[in-house]
């Protein structure tokens, strides 16, 4: 059963309604539901389907391709000695099909591109000489190695240049989609409990599928993250090594970024990791960004060289804060951490991440979803007390929204001291940026801001987790 993915399903419906040949690339991080989306939408009815295998040589990949050809043709298939042979055999299979729509799905395509295999040239020749002209053919390829999908396929400068007709980048579920997914499975948690789970595992369907009905968020986190056989206790290394051929540098960068919530500059990452500066380091950052694990953002009014890199994968952050090196057995481990200072620090940052990943929902709640905006962050100088704003929404209509995210178990109270800090932060931002726009303070909290003399006149908009869920 497909939950969410409305845009992707709508696009697939348009694709299948047309007889024009289509080359569709589906990409996104591991466990995000790429295979599930395609198999469910087409009800497993393919002219041909096969999946690449991790860490095997060209001969094994070709053998797997041969077995799939035999399965879908119902005829013996000669041994394949090259990818040109393989795609020629696939062409024969497609031409023999009487189906109006020929749906060909090759999953985990990057794994087929083993060293010196000539896989990409063979794919180029197949599409350019046959696929692009064959009425009703829908070639769908997917891959978890987003950097490969982008560089070798979508941004290809050779024979596949501009050949991909449709792109389907799959992102984690939003909070609303997560709620729909869990409810469809009979998991009926309130939104405060759901936001706790989202802070740990994000909107990754594979992780969410492990959640059992009838248990609290704390019980679920205990089992998945701290029991000896818990999925998320054992997932971390496999998550990166299954996507990146040599993941040591990727893992070092992720660990470095987990140490600072607001992010690190390129120079700071180099200093912490001790990795050599150069093209390989640049490529590693690009691969992590393309795969959705980190985000590069430019501070307000700064040039590209002022960019910071921030860890945006909730699970990776949680792993480094609580799971790595833990000797916990799972029984009440998380419940016992709920009053700790480390929990309070993490929960604040995790909630900020949730807000940053739900900017469309924030804009909708503010009534500006149709207004052009640019989002950024701002950090003041030491002279300004190191004031920091994690989300600025710079609007075309002459307003800048300063968004302040606060996680709390009840209505958030703005005290006199905190009100003064907020006023100082806004004043420092205005002074530093020299903006002529009006600056509005937006408080984003779990249960709203308690009305008092300090909130009155300071807070222009108060959003809650209900707004993050889309209402």
Foldseek 3Di string as FASTA:
>chain_A
DDFDPVVVLVVVVVVQVFQAQAEEEEEAAPLQCRVVVVCVSVVVDALFEFEADAPDDLQVRQVRLQVRLCVNQVDHDDRDDALLSSLVSVLVSQVPDPDSAHEYEYEQVVNNPDPPRCNLVSVLCSCVVPRNPRTRYYYYYYHNQLVCCVDSAACNPPSRDVVHPYYHYGDADFLLSLCRLCVVVVADDDSVQSLLLCLAFNRRVSLSVQDDHPDTSLLSCLQQQFAPPHVLLPPPVVSQVRRDVDCPLLLLLLLQQLVDLLFAAPVSSCVRSVDDDDDVNVVSLVSCVSNPQKDWFAAPPDDSNRIGIHGLGSNSSCCSLPNVPDPGNRPCPRVVCCPPPSNQVSVQSSQLSSCVVQVCLVCVVVVNNVWDWDWHWDFFDVVLVRQIQSIWTHTPVQEIEGEDEDEDPEAAEQDPVNLVSLVSNVVRCCVVVVRPGHYAYEYEYAYWHDDDPSCPPRHPYYHHVVSSSVD
